[in-house]
Amino acid sequence: MRLTKSWVYTRRVAACYSSCVSREANANRVNVTLDEVHAKKLRRLAERTHVNEGTIARSLLTTALDEADPDPRNVTALLDGIAGAFERAELGLAQVRGGEGKPLDEL
């Protein structure tokens, strides 16, 4: 039987299923959309390390969150650096005010 790339993993993959990564029913799930450039970069990194893209993404996000400075001044600077974020927030606010939103408790 010939193994395909998707089935070839390093020994490190066992660490992803240890107690440090929550696999419980109450684990938090986050969906992230990447632009084409970052998606391609993630794909290449996953191929080079023989690890699933989701595993690499989870590890990178966890590291970034651990290193993030919670000081409000730095959070503001971070948000200001996201292209179009303010405009999207304003649009969302206008949509909610226009009755297009849905209360969170109804989701």
Protein backbone atom coordinates (compact mmCIF):
# COMPACT_ATOMS: atom_id res chain seq x y z
CA MET A 1 0.00 0.00 0.00
CA ARG A 2 1.42 3.37 -1.03
CA LEU A 3 0.97 6.22 1.45
CA THR A 4 -0.09 9.58 0.10
CA LYS A 5 1.26 12.88 1.36
CA SER A 6 -1.82 13.46 3.49
CA TRP A 7 -1.05 10.32 5.50
CA VAL A 8 2.65 10.96 6.09
CA TYR A 9 3.24 12.72 9.39
CA THR A 10 6.15 13.31 11.68
CA ARG A 11 6.26 12.00 15.23
CA ARG A 12 5.39 15.48 16.42
CA VAL A 13 1.79 15.00 15.36
CA ALA A 14 1.30 12.95 18.52
CA ALA A 15 1.93 16.12 20.53
CA CYS A 16 -1.10 17.70 18.88
CA TYR A 17 -3.32 15.10 20.44
CA SER A 18 -1.88 15.32 23.92
CA SER A 19 -3.51 17.02 26.88
CA CYS A 20 -2.19 20.47 25.88
CA VAL A 21 -4.64 20.67 22.97
CA SER A 22 -8.24 20.53 24.05
CA ARG A 23 -10.29 17.92 22.24
CA GLU A 24 -13.21 18.08 24.66
CA ALA A 25 -16.77 18.86 23.68
CA ASN A 26 -16.45 22.34 25.19
CA ALA A 27 -13.37 23.30 23.15
CA ASN A 28 -13.66 26.68 21.44
CA ARG A 29 -13.73 26.68 17.67
CA VAL A 30 -12.70 29.67 15.57
CA ASN A 31 -13.03 29.93 11.80
CA VAL A 32 -10.43 32.09 10.10
CA THR A 33 -10.42 33.24 6.49
CA LEU A 34 -7.00 33.88 4.97
CA ASP A 35 -6.18 35.84 1.85
CA GLU A 36 -4.60 33.86 -0.98
CA VAL A 37 -1.03 34.86 -0.09
CA HIS A 38 -1.29 33.73 3.53
CA ALA A 39 -3.27 30.60 2.64
CA LYS A 40 -0.51 29.58 0.22
CA LYS A 41 2.14 30.27 2.84
CA LEU A 42 0.26 28.12 5.39
CA ARG A 43 -0.12 25.33 2.83
CA ARG A 44 3.61 25.35 2.04
CA LEU A 45 4.50 25.33 5.73
CA ALA A 46 2.16 22.39 6.37
CA GLU A 47 3.64 20.45 3.43
CA ARG A 48 7.22 21.05 4.60
CA THR A 49 6.44 19.94 8.15
CA HIS A 50 4.13 17.06 7.12
CA VAL A 51 1.45 18.39 9.46
CA ASN A 52 -2.17 19.27 8.80
CA GLU A 53 -2.80 22.94 7.90
CA GLY A 54 -5.25 23.30 10.78
CA THR A 55 -2.68 22.06 13.27
CA ILE A 56 -0.09 24.57 12.05
CA ALA A 57 -2.67 27.38 12.05
CA ARG A 58 -3.77 26.54 15.60
CA SER A 59 -0.17 26.52 16.80
CA LEU A 60 0.65 29.84 15.10
CA LEU A 61 -2.49 31.50 16.45
CA THR A 62 -1.86 30.21 19.97
CA THR A 63 1.71 31.54 19.89
CA ALA A 64 0.54 34.92 18.59
CA LEU A 65 -2.09 35.18 21.31
CA ASP A 66 0.40 34.21 24.01
CA GLU A 67 2.77 36.93 22.81
CA ALA A 68 0.09 39.61 22.31
CA ASP A 69 0.31 42.58 24.64
CA PRO A 70 -3.07 43.17 26.34
CA ASP A 71 -2.29 46.86 26.99
CA PRO A 72 -5.24 48.79 25.45
CA ARG A 73 -2.87 51.21 23.69
CA ASN A 74 -1.21 48.33 21.87
CA VAL A 75 -4.52 46.66 21.03
CA THR A 76 -5.72 49.92 19.47
CA ALA A 77 -2.54 50.17 17.41
CA LEU A 78 -2.99 46.56 16.31
CA LEU A 79 -6.58 47.17 15.23
CA ASP A 80 -5.61 50.40 13.46
CA GLY A 81 -3.14 48.37 11.42
CA ILE A 82 -5.86 46.14 9.92
CA ALA A 83 -6.73 47.53 6.49
CA GLY A 84 -10.41 48.45 6.24
CA ALA A 85 -11.26 47.32 9.79
CA PHE A 86 -12.77 50.66 10.85
CA GLU A 87 -14.87 50.89 7.70
CA ARG A 88 -16.15 47.32 8.17
CA ALA A 89 -17.02 48.08 11.80
CA GLU A 90 -18.91 51.21 10.73
CA LEU A 91 -20.75 49.21 8.06
CA GLY A 92 -21.71 46.56 10.60
CA LEU A 93 -23.00 49.19 12.99
CA ALA A 94 -25.06 50.79 10.20
CA GLN A 95 -26.48 47.38 9.24
CA VAL A 96 -27.51 46.65 12.83
CA ARG A 97 -29.10 50.07 13.17
CA GLY A 98 -30.95 49.40 9.91
CA GLY A 99 -32.46 46.20 11.33
CA GLU A 100 -30.23 43.79 9.39
CA GLY A 101 -28.63 42.31 12.51
CA LYS A 102 -29.67 39.46 14.70
CA PRO A 103 -29.36 39.39 18.51
CA LEU A 104 -26.59 37.07 19.71
CA ASP A 105 -29.00 35.10 21.90
CA GLU A 106 -30.92 34.15 18.74
CA LEU A 107 -27.91 32.59 17.04
